[in-house]
Amino acid sequence: QLPEGVLNKLYSCKSWDDEIERVIELIQKKLKNLVVPEKTLNFVK
């Protein structure tokens, strides 16, 4: 459900720096706004 290209920004990072921290913060923020898939809700239920 993440916007196209968001994870590719992470995959392109090869070492720990300020840029990868910014990418992780962006991913975390967007993940928190995603919904749990219907098939997962049914499995848990």
PDB file of all heavy atoms in Angstrom:
ATOM      1  N   GLN A   1       0.813  -1.217   0.000  1.00  0.00           N
ATOM      2  CA  GLN A   1       0.000   0.000   0.000  1.00  0.00           C
ATOM      3  C   GLN A   1       0.852   1.276   0.000  1.00  0.00           C
ATOM      4  O   GLN A   1       0.333   2.369  -0.238  1.00  0.00           O
ATOM      5  CB  GLN A   1      -0.897   0.035   1.240  1.00  0.00           C
ATOM      6  CG  GLN A   1      -1.868  -1.121   1.375  1.00  0.00           C
ATOM      7  CD  GLN A   1      -2.599  -1.070   2.703  1.00  0.00           C
ATOM      8  OE1 GLN A   1      -3.462  -0.222   2.932  1.00  0.00           O
ATOM      9  NE2 GLN A   1      -2.247  -1.972   3.605  1.00  0.00           N
ATOM     10  N   LEU A   2       2.157   1.139   0.277  1.00  0.00           N
ATOM     11  CA  LEU A   2       3.036   2.315   0.281  1.00  0.00           C
ATOM     12  C   LEU A   2       3.110   2.932  -1.115  1.00  0.00           C
ATOM     13  O   LEU A   2       3.041   2.211  -2.118  1.00  0.00           O
ATOM     14  CB  LEU A   2       4.445   1.917   0.729  1.00  0.00           C
ATOM     15  CG  LEU A   2       4.650   1.638   2.215  1.00  0.00           C
ATOM     16  CD1 LEU A   2       6.022   1.003   2.448  1.00  0.00           C
ATOM     17  CD2 LEU A   2       4.510   2.908   3.050  1.00  0.00           C
ATOM     18  N   PRO A   3       3.269   4.253  -1.185  1.00  0.00           N
ATOM     19  CA  PRO A   3       3.427   4.898  -2.498  1.00  0.00           C
ATOM     20  C   PRO A   3       4.599   4.301  -3.271  1.00  0.00           C
ATOM     21  O   PRO A   3       5.622   3.930  -2.680  1.00  0.00           O
ATOM     22  CB  PRO A   3       3.699   6.363  -2.137  1.00  0.00           C
ATOM     23  CG  PRO A   3       3.107   6.547  -0.782  1.00  0.00           C
ATOM     24  CD  PRO A   3       3.287   5.223  -0.081  1.00  0.00           C
ATOM     25  N   GLU A   4       4.445   4.206  -4.564  1.00  0.00           N
ATOM     26  CA  GLU A   4       5.482   3.618  -5.418  1.00  0.00           C
ATOM     27  C   GLU A   4       6.809   4.373  -5.252  1.00  0.00           C
ATOM     28  O   GLU A   4       6.843   5.597  -5.249  1.00  0.00           O
ATOM     29  CB  GLU A   4       5.033   3.673  -6.881  1.00  0.00           C
ATOM     30  CG  GLU A   4       5.941   2.919  -7.826  1.00  0.00           C
ATOM     31  CD  GLU A   4       5.391   2.896  -9.244  1.00  0.00           C
ATOM     32  OE1 GLU A   4       4.222   3.282  -9.439  1.00  0.00           O
ATOM     33  OE2 GLU A   4       6.150   2.513 -10.144  1.00  0.00           O
ATOM     34  N   GLY A   5       7.872   3.643  -5.091  1.00  0.00           N
ATOM     35  CA  GLY A   5       9.198   4.245  -5.007  1.00  0.00           C
ATOM     36  C   GLY A   5       9.705   4.504  -3.602  1.00  0.00           C
ATOM     37  O   GLY A   5      10.910   4.710  -3.414  1.00  0.00           O
ATOM     38  N   VAL A   6       8.816   4.458  -2.599  1.00  0.00           N
ATOM     39  CA  VAL A   6       9.257   4.760  -1.221  1.00  0.00           C
ATOM     40  C   VAL A   6      10.270   3.732  -0.730  1.00  0.00           C
ATOM     41  O   VAL A   6      11.329   4.085  -0.202  1.00  0.00           O
ATOM     42  CB  VAL A   6       8.047   4.827  -0.264  1.00  0.00           C
ATOM     43  CG1 VAL A   6       8.521   4.908   1.186  1.00  0.00           C
ATOM     44  CG2 VAL A   6       7.178   6.032  -0.586  1.00  0.00           C
ATOM     45  N   LEU A   7       9.963   2.459  -0.928  1.00  0.00           N
ATOM     46  CA  LEU A   7      10.889   1.423  -0.466  1.00  0.00           C
ATOM     47  C   LEU A   7      12.174   1.407  -1.296  1.00  0.00           C
ATOM     48  O   LEU A   7      13.237   1.057  -0.782  1.00  0.00           O
ATOM     49  CB  LEU A   7      10.219   0.051  -0.498  1.00  0.00           C
ATOM     50  CG  LEU A   7       9.169  -0.205   0.599  1.00  0.00           C
ATOM     51  CD1 LEU A   7       8.576  -1.601   0.456  1.00  0.00           C
ATOM     52  CD2 LEU A   7       9.754  -0.035   1.987  1.00  0.00           C
ATOM     53  N   ASN A   8      12.073   1.783  -2.568  1.00  0.00           N
ATOM     54  CA  ASN A   8      13.276   1.820  -3.410  1.00  0.00           C
ATOM     55  C   ASN A   8      14.297   2.819  -2.885  1.00  0.00           C
ATOM     56  O   ASN A   8      15.509   2.632  -3.038  1.00  0.00           O
ATOM     57  CB  ASN A   8      12.908   2.148  -4.851  1.00  0.00           C
ATOM     58  CG  ASN A   8      12.235   0.978  -5.560  1.00  0.00           C
ATOM     59  OD1 ASN A   8      12.459  -0.169  -5.201  1.00  0.00           O
ATOM     60  ND2 ASN A   8      11.408   1.273  -6.547  1.00  0.00           N
ATOM     61  N   LYS A   9      13.812   3.885  -2.263  1.00  0.00           N
ATOM     62  CA  LYS A   9      14.714   4.859  -1.643  1.00  0.00           C
ATOM     63  C   LYS A   9      15.519   4.192  -0.535  1.00  0.00           C
ATOM     64  O   LYS A   9      16.712   4.454  -0.367  1.00  0.00           O
ATOM     65  CB  LYS A   9      13.925   6.039  -1.072  1.00  0.00           C
ATOM     66  CG  LYS A   9      13.298   6.944  -2.111  1.00  0.00           C
ATOM     67  CD  LYS A   9      12.556   8.100  -1.439  1.00  0.00           C
ATOM     68  CE  LYS A   9      11.904   9.009  -2.469  1.00  0.00           C
ATOM     69  NZ  LYS A   9      11.160  10.123  -1.813  1.00  0.00           N
ATOM     70  N   LEU A  10      14.840   3.325   0.220  1.00  0.00           N
ATOM     71  CA  LEU A  10      15.533   2.600   1.291  1.00  0.00           C
ATOM     72  C   LEU A  10      16.511   1.589   0.707  1.00  0.00           C
ATOM     73  O   LEU A  10      17.663   1.491   1.158  1.00  0.00           O
ATOM     74  CB  LEU A  10      14.518   1.872   2.176  1.00  0.00           C
ATOM     75  CG  LEU A  10      15.089   1.016   3.311  1.00  0.00           C
ATOM     76  CD1 LEU A  10      15.806   1.890   4.338  1.00  0.00           C
ATOM     77  CD2 LEU A  10      13.981   0.213   3.985  1.00  0.00           C
ATOM     78  N   TYR A  11      16.086   0.835  -0.304  1.00  0.00           N
ATOM     79  CA  TYR A  11      16.921  -0.208  -0.893  1.00  0.00           C
ATOM     80  C   TYR A  11      18.196   0.360  -1.514  1.00  0.00           C
ATOM     81  O   TYR A  11      19.218  -0.328  -1.595  1.00  0.00           O
ATOM     82  CB  TYR A  11      16.144  -0.982  -1.960  1.00  0.00           C
ATOM     83  CG  TYR A  11      14.911  -1.694  -1.452  1.00  0.00           C
ATOM     84  CD1 TYR A  11      13.831  -1.956  -2.307  1.00  0.00           C
ATOM     85  CD2 TYR A  11      14.808  -2.102  -0.124  1.00  0.00           C
ATOM     86  CE1 TYR A  11      12.696  -2.613  -1.851  1.00  0.00           C
ATOM     87  CE2 TYR A  11      13.665  -2.763   0.337  1.00  0.00           C
ATOM     88  CZ  TYR A  11      12.620  -3.008  -0.527  1.00  0.00           C
ATOM     89  OH  TYR A  11      11.492  -3.646  -0.080  1.00  0.00           O
ATOM     90  N   SER A  12      18.148   1.608  -1.934  1.00  0.00           N
ATOM     91  CA  SER A  12      19.319   2.229  -2.564  1.00  0.00           C
ATOM     92  C   SER A  12      20.363   2.686  -1.548  1.00  0.00           C
ATOM     93  O   SER A  12      21.494   3.002  -1.914  1.00  0.00           O
ATOM     94  CB  SER A  12      18.886   3.420  -3.426  1.00  0.00           C
ATOM     95  OG  SER A  12      18.357   4.465  -2.620  1.00  0.00           O
ATOM     96  N   CYS A  13      19.994   2.717  -0.269  1.00  0.00           N
ATOM     97  CA  CYS A  13      20.925   3.131   0.789  1.00  0.00           C
ATOM     98  C   CYS A  13      21.844   1.970   1.143  1.00  0.00           C
ATOM     99  O   CYS A  13      21.379   0.856   1.394  1.00  0.00           O
ATOM    100  CB  CYS A  13      20.169   3.596   2.029  1.00  0.00           C
ATOM    101  SG  CYS A  13      19.133   5.049   1.775  1.00  0.00           S
ATOM    102  N   LYS A  14      23.134   2.208   1.161  1.00  0.00           N
ATOM    103  CA  LYS A  14      24.112   1.149   1.417  1.00  0.00           C
ATOM    104  C   LYS A  14      24.851   1.314   2.752  1.00  0.00           C
ATOM    105  O   LYS A  14      25.539   0.409   3.185  1.00  0.00           O
ATOM    106  CB  LYS A  14      25.135   1.095   0.282  1.00  0.00           C
ATOM    107  CG  LYS A  14      24.533   0.901  -1.104  1.00  0.00           C
ATOM    108  CD  LYS A  14      23.716  -0.384  -1.183  1.00  0.00           C
ATOM    109  CE  LYS A  14      23.098  -0.569  -2.564  1.00  0.00           C
ATOM    110  NZ  LYS A  14      22.197  -1.752  -2.619  1.00  0.00           N
ATOM    111  N   SER A  15      24.708   2.467   3.379  1.00  0.00           N
ATOM    112  CA  SER A  15      25.375   2.702   4.662  1.00  0.00           C
ATOM    113  C   SER A  15      24.522   3.636   5.507  1.00  0.00           C
ATOM    114  O   SER A  15      23.575   4.255   5.010  1.00  0.00           O
ATOM    115  CB  SER A  15      26.770   3.305   4.446  1.00  0.00           C
ATOM    116  OG  SER A  15      26.660   4.551   3.766  1.00  0.00           O
ATOM    117  N   TRP A  16      24.878   3.713   6.791  1.00  0.00           N
ATOM    118  CA  TRP A  16      24.088   4.516   7.714  1.00  0.00           C
ATOM    119  C   TRP A  16      24.515   5.986   7.639  1.00  0.00           C
ATOM    120  O   TRP A  16      25.668   6.321   7.855  1.00  0.00           O
ATOM    121  CB  TRP A  16      24.255   4.003   9.140  1.00  0.00           C
ATOM    122  CG  TRP A  16      23.261   4.634  10.074  1.00  0.00           C
ATOM    123  CD1 TRP A  16      23.465   5.697  10.891  1.00  0.00           C
ATOM    124  CD2 TRP A  16      21.895   4.264  10.228  1.00  0.00           C
ATOM    125  NE1 TRP A  16      22.310   6.021  11.557  1.00  0.00           N
ATOM    126  CE2 TRP A  16      21.318   5.156  11.171  1.00  0.00           C
ATOM    127  CE3 TRP A  16      21.087   3.274   9.660  1.00  0.00           C
ATOM    128  CZ2 TRP A  16      19.992   5.081  11.570  1.00  0.00           C
ATOM    129  CZ3 TRP A  16      19.759   3.194  10.069  1.00  0.00           C
ATOM    130  CH2 TRP A  16      19.223   4.078  11.004  1.00  0.00           C
ATOM    131  N   ASP A  17      23.558   6.867   7.316  1.00  0.00           N
ATOM    132  CA  ASP A  17      23.840   8.303   7.276  1.00  0.00           C
ATOM    133  C   ASP A  17      22.542   9.072   7.515  1.00  0.00           C
ATOM    134  O   ASP A  17      21.481   8.480   7.771  1.00  0.00           O
ATOM    135  CB  ASP A  17      24.482   8.703   5.943  1.00  0.00           C
ATOM    136  CG  ASP A  17      23.660   8.265   4.727  1.00  0.00           C
ATOM    137  OD1 ASP A  17      22.424   8.085   4.873  1.00  0.00           O
ATOM    138  OD2 ASP A  17      24.238   8.107   3.641  1.00  0.00           O
ATOM    139  N   ASP A  18      22.602  10.403   7.420  1.00  0.00           N
ATOM    140  CA  ASP A  18      21.426  11.236   7.660  1.00  0.00           C
ATOM    141  C   ASP A  18      20.308  10.950   6.661  1.00  0.00           C
ATOM    142  O   ASP A  18      19.121  11.012   7.002  1.00  0.00           O
ATOM    143  CB  ASP A  18      21.804  12.718   7.602  1.00  0.00           C
ATOM    144  CG  ASP A  18      22.687  13.145   8.763  1.00  0.00           C
ATOM    145  OD1 ASP A  18      22.717  12.409   9.773  1.00  0.00           O
ATOM    146  OD2 ASP A  18      23.348  14.194   8.656  1.00  0.00           O
ATOM    147  N   GLU A  19      20.695  10.618   5.427  1.00  0.00           N
ATOM    148  CA  GLU A  19      19.695  10.361   4.391  1.00  0.00           C
ATOM    149  C   GLU A  19      18.853   9.139   4.719  1.00  0.00           C
ATOM    150  O   GLU A  19      17.615   9.162   4.598  1.00  0.00           O
ATOM    151  CB  GLU A  19      20.372  10.179   3.035  1.00  0.00           C
ATOM    152  CG  GLU A  19      19.427   9.793   1.890  1.00  0.00           C
ATOM    153  CD  GLU A  19      18.327  10.814   1.634  1.00  0.00           C
ATOM    154  OE1 GLU A  19      18.499  12.000   2.003  1.00  0.00           O
ATOM    155  OE2 GLU A  19      17.284  10.421   1.068  1.00  0.00           O
ATOM    156  N   ILE A  20      19.496   8.049   5.143  1.00  0.00           N
ATOM    157  CA  ILE A  20      18.726   6.837   5.440  1.00  0.00           C
ATOM    158  C   ILE A  20      17.824   7.052   6.655  1.00  0.00           C
ATOM    159  O   ILE A  20      16.719   6.522   6.724  1.00  0.00           O
ATOM    160  CB  ILE A  20      19.654   5.615   5.638  1.00  0.00           C
ATOM    161  CG1 ILE A  20      18.816   4.323   5.553  1.00  0.00           C
ATOM    162  CG2 ILE A  20      20.404   5.669   6.964  1.00  0.00           C
ATOM    163  CD1 ILE A  20      19.644   3.064   5.502  1.00  0.00           C
ATOM    164  N   GLU A  21      18.249   7.869   7.603  1.00  0.00           N
ATOM    165  CA  GLU A  21      17.395   8.186   8.747  1.00  0.00           C
ATOM    166  C   GLU A  21      16.142   8.912   8.291  1.00  0.00           C
ATOM    167  O   GLU A  21      15.037   8.638   8.781  1.00  0.00           O
ATOM    168  CB  GLU A  21      18.157   9.017   9.778  1.00  0.00           C
ATOM    169  CG  GLU A  21      19.234   8.238  10.522  1.00  0.00           C
ATOM    170  CD  GLU A  21      19.598   8.885  11.853  1.00  0.00           C
ATOM    171  OE1 GLU A  21      18.677   9.162  12.638  1.00  0.00           O
ATOM    172  OE2 GLU A  21      20.798   9.107  12.083  1.00  0.00           O
ATOM    173  N   ARG A  22      16.290   9.843   7.352  1.00  0.00           N
ATOM    174  CA  ARG A  22      15.132  10.582   6.824  1.00  0.00           C
ATOM    175  C   ARG A  22      14.189   9.638   6.073  1.00  0.00           C
ATOM    176  O   ARG A  22      12.957   9.745   6.192  1.00  0.00           O
ATOM    177  CB  ARG A  22      15.597  11.706   5.893  1.00  0.00           C
ATOM    178  CG  ARG A  22      16.184  12.903   6.632  1.00  0.00           C
ATOM    179  CD  ARG A  22      16.344  14.097   5.701  1.00  0.00           C
ATOM    180  NE  ARG A  22      17.391  13.871   4.715  1.00  0.00           N
ATOM    181  CZ  ARG A  22      18.665  14.197   4.892  1.00  0.00           C
ATOM    182  NH1 ARG A  22      19.061  14.759   6.029  1.00  0.00           N
ATOM    183  NH2 ARG A  22      19.560  13.970   3.945  1.00  0.00           N
ATOM    184  N   VAL A  23      14.766   8.691   5.316  1.00  0.00           N
ATOM    185  CA  VAL A  23      13.946   7.729   4.563  1.00  0.00           C
ATOM    186  C   VAL A  23      13.157   6.837   5.528  1.00  0.00           C
ATOM    187  O   VAL A  23      11.965   6.588   5.320  1.00  0.00           O
ATOM    188  CB  VAL A  23      14.832   6.876   3.636  1.00  0.00           C
ATOM    189  CG1 VAL A  23      14.019   5.724   3.027  1.00  0.00           C
ATOM    190  CG2 VAL A  23      15.437   7.727   2.532  1.00  0.00           C
ATOM    191  N   ILE A  24      13.815   6.368   6.580  1.00  0.00           N
ATOM    192  CA  ILE A  24      13.148   5.507   7.565  1.00  0.00           C
ATOM    193  C   ILE A  24      12.014   6.260   8.252  1.00  0.00           C
ATOM    194  O   ILE A  24      10.915   5.715   8.452  1.00  0.00           O
ATOM    195  CB  ILE A  24      14.161   4.980   8.596  1.00  0.00           C
ATOM    196  CG1 ILE A  24      15.140   4.003   7.925  1.00  0.00           C
ATOM    197  CG2 ILE A  24      13.442   4.281   9.761  1.00  0.00           C
ATOM    198  CD1 ILE A  24      16.324   3.643   8.789  1.00  0.00           C
ATOM    199  N   GLU A  25      12.258   7.504   8.615  1.00  0.00           N
ATOM    200  CA  GLU A  25      11.211   8.316   9.255  1.00  0.00           C
ATOM    201  C   GLU A  25      10.011   8.487   8.335  1.00  0.00           C
ATOM    202  O   GLU A  25       8.855   8.436   8.779  1.00  0.00           O
ATOM    203  CB  GLU A  25      11.784   9.674   9.660  1.00  0.00           C
ATOM    204  CG  GLU A  25      12.731   9.593  10.862  1.00  0.00           C
ATOM    205  CD  GLU A  25      13.504  10.875  11.095  1.00  0.00           C
ATOM    206  OE1 GLU A  25      13.248  11.868  10.366  1.00  0.00           O
ATOM    207  OE2 GLU A  25      14.350  10.907  12.011  1.00  0.00           O
ATOM    208  N   LEU A  26      10.280   8.662   7.032  1.00  0.00           N
ATOM    209  CA  LEU A  26       9.203   8.785   6.052  1.00  0.00           C
ATOM    210  C   LEU A  26       8.407   7.484   5.959  1.00  0.00           C
ATOM    211  O   LEU A  26       7.161   7.498   5.959  1.00  0.00           O
ATOM    212  CB  LEU A  26       9.786   9.147   4.682  1.00  0.00           C
ATOM    213  CG  LEU A  26       8.806   9.138   3.498  1.00  0.00           C
ATOM    214  CD1 LEU A  26       7.752  10.226   3.663  1.00  0.00           C
ATOM    215  CD2 LEU A  26       9.563   9.317   2.171  1.00  0.00           C
ATOM    216  N   ILE A  27       9.113   6.357   5.867  1.00  0.00           N
ATOM    217  CA  ILE A  27       8.453   5.051   5.768  1.00  0.00           C
ATOM    218  C   ILE A  27       7.617   4.776   7.009  1.00  0.00           C
ATOM    219  O   ILE A  27       6.464   4.336   6.920  1.00  0.00           O
ATOM    220  CB  ILE A  27       9.494   3.929   5.547  1.00  0.00           C
ATOM    221  CG1 ILE A  27      10.114   4.054   4.149  1.00  0.00           C
ATOM    222  CG2 ILE A  27       8.850   2.545   5.718  1.00  0.00           C
ATOM    223  CD1 ILE A  27      11.281   3.120   3.915  1.00  0.00           C
ATOM    224  N   GLN A  28       8.181   5.030   8.178  1.00  0.00           N
ATOM    225  CA  GLN A  28       7.453   4.803   9.432  1.00  0.00           C
ATOM    226  C   GLN A  28       6.160   5.619   9.472  1.00  0.00           C
ATOM    227  O   GLN A  28       5.098   5.117   9.850  1.00  0.00           O
ATOM    228  CB  GLN A  28       8.338   5.187  10.617  1.00  0.00           C
ATOM    229  CG  GLN A  28       9.488   4.228  10.886  1.00  0.00           C
ATOM    230  CD  GLN A  28       9.101   3.157  11.892  1.00  0.00           C
ATOM    231  OE1 GLN A  28       8.576   3.432  12.950  1.00  0.00           O
ATOM    232  NE2 GLN A  28       9.376   1.917  11.544  1.00  0.00           N
ATOM    233  N   LYS A  29       6.253   6.867   9.077  1.00  0.00           N
ATOM    234  CA  LYS A  29       5.086   7.752   9.086  1.00  0.00           C
ATOM    235  C   LYS A  29       3.992   7.229   8.164  1.00  0.00           C
ATOM    236  O   LYS A  29       2.808   7.204   8.531  1.00  0.00           O
ATOM    237  CB  LYS A  29       5.505   9.157   8.653  1.00  0.00           C
ATOM    238  CG  LYS A  29       4.379  10.180   8.684  1.00  0.00           C
ATOM    239  CD  LYS A  29       4.896  11.565   8.280  1.00  0.00           C
ATOM    240  CE  LYS A  29       3.765  12.602   8.284  1.00  0.00           C
ATOM    241  NZ  LYS A  29       4.254  13.946   7.892  1.00  0.00           N
ATOM    242  N   LYS A  30       4.384   6.786   6.975  1.00  0.00           N
ATOM    243  CA  LYS A  30       3.403   6.296   6.007  1.00  0.00           C
ATOM    244  C   LYS A  30       2.823   4.948   6.424  1.00  0.00           C
ATOM    245  O   LYS A  30       1.631   4.688   6.223  1.00  0.00           O
ATOM    246  CB  LYS A  30       4.033   6.216   4.614  1.00  0.00           C
ATOM    247  CG  LYS A  30       4.345   7.599   4.025  1.00  0.00           C
ATOM    248  CD  LYS A  30       4.769   7.524   2.590  1.00  0.00           C
ATOM    249  CE  LYS A  30       5.008   8.922   2.012  1.00  0.00           C
ATOM    250  NZ  LYS A  30       3.789   9.759   2.029  1.00  0.00           N
ATOM    251  N   LEU A  31       3.655   4.074   7.023  1.00  0.00           N
ATOM    252  CA  LEU A  31       3.168   2.770   7.467  1.00  0.00           C
ATOM    253  C   LEU A  31       2.090   2.911   8.544  1.00  0.00           C
ATOM    254  O   LEU A  31       1.121   2.142   8.575  1.00  0.00           O
ATOM    255  CB  LEU A  31       4.327   1.928   8.012  1.00  0.00           C
ATOM    256  CG  LEU A  31       5.306   1.350   6.987  1.00  0.00           C
ATOM    257  CD1 LEU A  31       6.498   0.720   7.694  1.00  0.00           C
ATOM    258  CD2 LEU A  31       4.630   0.322   6.085  1.00  0.00           C
ATOM    259  N   LYS A  32       2.255   3.874   9.421  1.00  0.00           N
ATOM    260  CA  LYS A  32       1.287   4.070  10.506  1.00  0.00           C
ATOM    261  C   LYS A  32      -0.090   4.457   9.976  1.00  0.00           C
ATOM    262  O   LYS A  32      -1.103   4.239  10.649  1.00  0.00           O
ATOM    263  CB  LYS A  32       1.809   5.125  11.480  1.00  0.00           C
ATOM    264  CG  LYS A  32       2.969   4.636  12.327  1.00  0.00           C
ATOM    265  CD  LYS A  32       3.572   5.743  13.177  1.00  0.00           C
ATOM    266  CE  LYS A  32       4.783   5.223  13.958  1.00  0.00           C
ATOM    267  NZ  LYS A  32       5.448   6.287  14.742  1.00  0.00           N
ATOM    268  N   ASN A  33      -0.129   5.011   8.762  1.00  0.00           N
ATOM    269  CA  ASN A  33      -1.402   5.434   8.169  1.00  0.00           C
ATOM    270  C   ASN A  33      -2.044   4.350   7.302  1.00  0.00           C
ATOM    271  O   ASN A  33      -3.148   4.549   6.790  1.00  0.00           O
ATOM    272  CB  ASN A  33      -1.194   6.695   7.331  1.00  0.00           C
ATOM    273  CG  ASN A  33      -0.872   7.912   8.189  1.00  0.00           C
ATOM    274  OD1 ASN A  33      -1.370   8.047   9.305  1.00  0.00           O
ATOM    275  ND2 ASN A  33      -0.012   8.787   7.684  1.00  0.00           N
ATOM    276  N   LEU A  34      -1.359   3.229   7.129  1.00  0.00           N
ATOM    277  CA  LEU A  34      -1.907   2.148   6.310  1.00  0.00           C
ATOM    278  C   LEU A  34      -2.919   1.322   7.100  1.00  0.00           C
ATOM    279  O   LEU A  34      -2.898   1.290   8.328  1.00  0.00           O
ATOM    280  CB  LEU A  34      -0.783   1.236   5.816  1.00  0.00           C
ATOM    281  CG  LEU A  34       0.315   1.870   4.960  1.00  0.00           C
ATOM    282  CD1 LEU A  34       1.292   0.801   4.496  1.00  0.00           C
ATOM    283  CD2 LEU A  34      -0.274   2.615   3.767  1.00  0.00           C
ATOM    284  N   VAL A  35      -3.790   0.640   6.370  1.00  0.00           N
ATOM    285  CA  VAL A  35      -4.784  -0.225   7.027  1.00  0.00           C
ATOM    286  C   VAL A  35      -4.307  -1.674   6.984  1.00  0.00           C
ATOM    287  O   VAL A  35      -3.581  -2.087   6.069  1.00  0.00           O
ATOM    288  CB  VAL A  35      -6.166  -0.104   6.334  1.00  0.00           C
ATOM    289  CG1 VAL A  35      -6.695   1.314   6.464  1.00  0.00           C
ATOM    290  CG2 VAL A  35      -6.093  -0.531   4.866  1.00  0.00           C
ATOM    291  N   VAL A  36      -4.718  -2.434   7.982  1.00  0.00           N
ATOM    292  CA  VAL A  36      -4.408  -3.864   8.012  1.00  0.00           C
ATOM    293  C   VAL A  36      -5.255  -4.557   6.944  1.00  0.00           C
ATOM    294  O   VAL A  36      -6.472  -4.325   6.862  1.00  0.00           O
ATOM    295  CB  VAL A  36      -4.717  -4.460   9.400  1.00  0.00           C
ATOM    296  CG1 VAL A  36      -4.501  -5.971   9.400  1.00  0.00           C
ATOM    297  CG2 VAL A  36      -3.852  -3.789  10.472  1.00  0.00           C
ATOM    298  N   PRO A  37      -4.647  -5.381   6.082  1.00  0.00           N
ATOM    299  CA  PRO A  37      -5.400  -6.032   4.991  1.00  0.00           C
ATOM    300  C   PRO A  37      -6.574  -6.867   5.506  1.00  0.00           C
ATOM    301  O   PRO A  37      -6.522  -7.430   6.607  1.00  0.00           O
ATOM    302  CB  PRO A  37      -4.343  -6.927   4.329  1.00  0.00           C
ATOM    303  CG  PRO A  37      -3.042  -6.274   4.637  1.00  0.00           C
ATOM    304  CD  PRO A  37      -3.207  -5.687   6.012  1.00  0.00           C
ATOM    305  N   GLU A  38      -7.615  -6.946   4.694  1.00  0.00           N
ATOM    306  CA  GLU A  38      -8.825  -7.680   5.061  1.00  0.00           C
ATOM    307  C   GLU A  38      -8.520  -9.142   5.370  1.00  0.00           C
ATOM    308  O   GLU A  38      -9.083  -9.723   6.309  1.00  0.00           O
ATOM    309  CB  GLU A  38      -9.846  -7.591   3.918  1.00  0.00           C
ATOM    310  CG  GLU A  38     -11.220  -8.139   4.252  1.00  0.00           C
ATOM    311  CD  GLU A  38     -11.972  -7.296   5.279  1.00  0.00           C
ATOM    312  OE1 GLU A  38     -11.699  -6.089   5.371  1.00  0.00           O
ATOM    313  OE2 GLU A  38     -12.822  -7.871   5.984  1.00  0.00           O
ATOM    314  N   LYS A  39      -7.629  -9.753   4.584  1.00  0.00           N
ATOM    315  CA  LYS A  39      -7.338 -11.177   4.818  1.00  0.00           C
ATOM    316  C   LYS A  39      -6.652 -11.387   6.169  1.00  0.00           C
ATOM    317  O   LYS A  39      -6.838 -12.425   6.809  1.00  0.00           O
ATOM    318  CB  LYS A  39      -6.506 -11.764   3.680  1.00  0.00           C
ATOM    319  CG  LYS A  39      -5.026 -11.467   3.682  1.00  0.00           C
ATOM    320  CD  LYS A  39      -4.334 -12.350   2.637  1.00  0.00           C
ATOM    321  CE  LYS A  39      -2.833 -12.232   2.694  1.00  0.00           C
ATOM    322  NZ  LYS A  39      -2.161 -13.154   1.753  1.00  0.00           N
ATOM    323  N   THR A  40      -5.892 -10.377   6.636  1.00  0.00           N
ATOM    324  CA  THR A  40      -5.254 -10.471   7.949  1.00  0.00           C
ATOM    325  C   THR A  40      -6.297 -10.335   9.053  1.00  0.00           C
ATOM    326  O   THR A  40      -6.275 -11.077  10.049  1.00  0.00           O
ATOM    327  CB  THR A  40      -4.176  -9.389   8.113  1.00  0.00           C
ATOM    328  OG1 THR A  40      -3.279  -9.446   7.008  1.00  0.00           O
ATOM    329  CG2 THR A  40      -3.394  -9.582   9.410  1.00  0.00           C
ATOM    330  N   LEU A  41      -7.223  -9.392   8.883  1.00  0.00           N
ATOM    331  CA  LEU A  41      -8.304  -9.230   9.865  1.00  0.00           C
ATOM    332  C   LEU A  41      -9.102 -10.519  10.000  1.00  0.00           C
ATOM    333  O   LEU A  41      -9.442 -10.940  11.113  1.00  0.00           O
ATOM    334  CB  LEU A  41      -9.223  -8.082   9.435  1.00  0.00           C
ATOM    335  CG  LEU A  41      -8.612  -6.680   9.377  1.00  0.00           C
ATOM    336  CD1 LEU A  41      -9.637  -5.675   8.861  1.00  0.00           C
ATOM    337  CD2 LEU A  41      -8.083  -6.246  10.739  1.00  0.00           C
ATOM    338  N   ASN A  42      -9.380 -11.166   8.876  1.00  0.00           N
ATOM    339  CA  ASN A  42     -10.136 -12.426   8.901  1.00  0.00           C
ATOM    340  C   ASN A  42      -9.343 -13.540   9.565  1.00  0.00           C
ATOM    341  O   ASN A  42      -9.904 -14.363  10.303  1.00  0.00           O
ATOM    342  CB  ASN A  42     -10.521 -12.832   7.474  1.00  0.00           C
ATOM    343  CG  ASN A  42     -11.543 -11.898   6.851  1.00  0.00           C
ATOM    344  OD1 ASN A  42     -12.305 -11.239   7.551  1.00  0.00           O
ATOM    345  ND2 ASN A  42     -11.567 -11.819   5.529  1.00  0.00           N
ATOM    346  N   PHE A  43      -8.030 -13.575   9.303  1.00  0.00           N
ATOM    347  CA  PHE A  43      -7.180 -14.604   9.905  1.00  0.00           C
ATOM    348  C   PHE A  43      -7.155 -14.434  11.428  1.00  0.00           C
ATOM    349  O   PHE A  43      -7.302 -15.419  12.171  1.00  0.00           O
ATOM    350  CB  PHE A  43      -5.760 -14.503   9.343  1.00  0.00           C
ATOM    351  CG  PHE A  43      -4.813 -15.566   9.846  1.00  0.00           C
ATOM    352  CD1 PHE A  43      -4.628 -16.737   9.130  1.00  0.00           C
ATOM    353  CD2 PHE A  43      -4.108 -15.396  11.034  1.00  0.00           C
ATOM    354  CE1 PHE A  43      -3.752 -17.722   9.588  1.00  0.00           C
ATOM    355  CE2 PHE A  43      -3.244 -16.367  11.498  1.00  0.00           C
ATOM    356  CZ  PHE A  43      -3.069 -17.537  10.771  1.00  0.00           C
ATOM    357  N   VAL A  44      -6.963 -13.215  11.884  1.00  0.00           N
ATOM    358  CA  VAL A  44      -6.915 -12.959  13.328  1.00  0.00           C
ATOM    359  C   VAL A  44      -8.259 -13.301  13.965  1.00  0.00           C
ATOM    360  O   VAL A  44      -8.308 -13.932  15.038  1.00  0.00           O
ATOM    361  CB  VAL A  44      -6.538 -11.489  13.611  1.00  0.00           C
ATOM    362  CG1 VAL A  44      -6.642 -11.190  15.111  1.00  0.00           C
ATOM    363  CG2 VAL A  44      -5.118 -11.199  13.124  1.00  0.00           C
ATOM    364  N   LYS A  45      -9.335 -12.905  13.314  1.00  0.00           N
ATOM    365  CA  LYS A  45     -10.671 -13.187  13.859  1.00  0.00           C
ATOM    366  C   LYS A  45     -10.896 -14.695  13.982  1.00  0.00           C
ATOM    367  O   LYS A  45     -11.488 -15.167  14.970  1.00  0.00           O
ATOM    368  CB  LYS A  45     -11.734 -12.576  12.943  1.00  0.00           C
ATOM    369  CG  LYS A  45     -13.156 -12.675  13.474  1.00  0.00           C
ATOM    370  CD  LYS A  45     -14.134 -11.966  12.535  1.00  0.00           C
ATOM    371  CE  LYS A  45     -13.953 -10.463  12.590  1.00  0.00           C
ATOM    372  NZ  LYS A  45     -14.990  -9.743  11.808  1.00  0.00           N
TER     373      LYS A  45
END
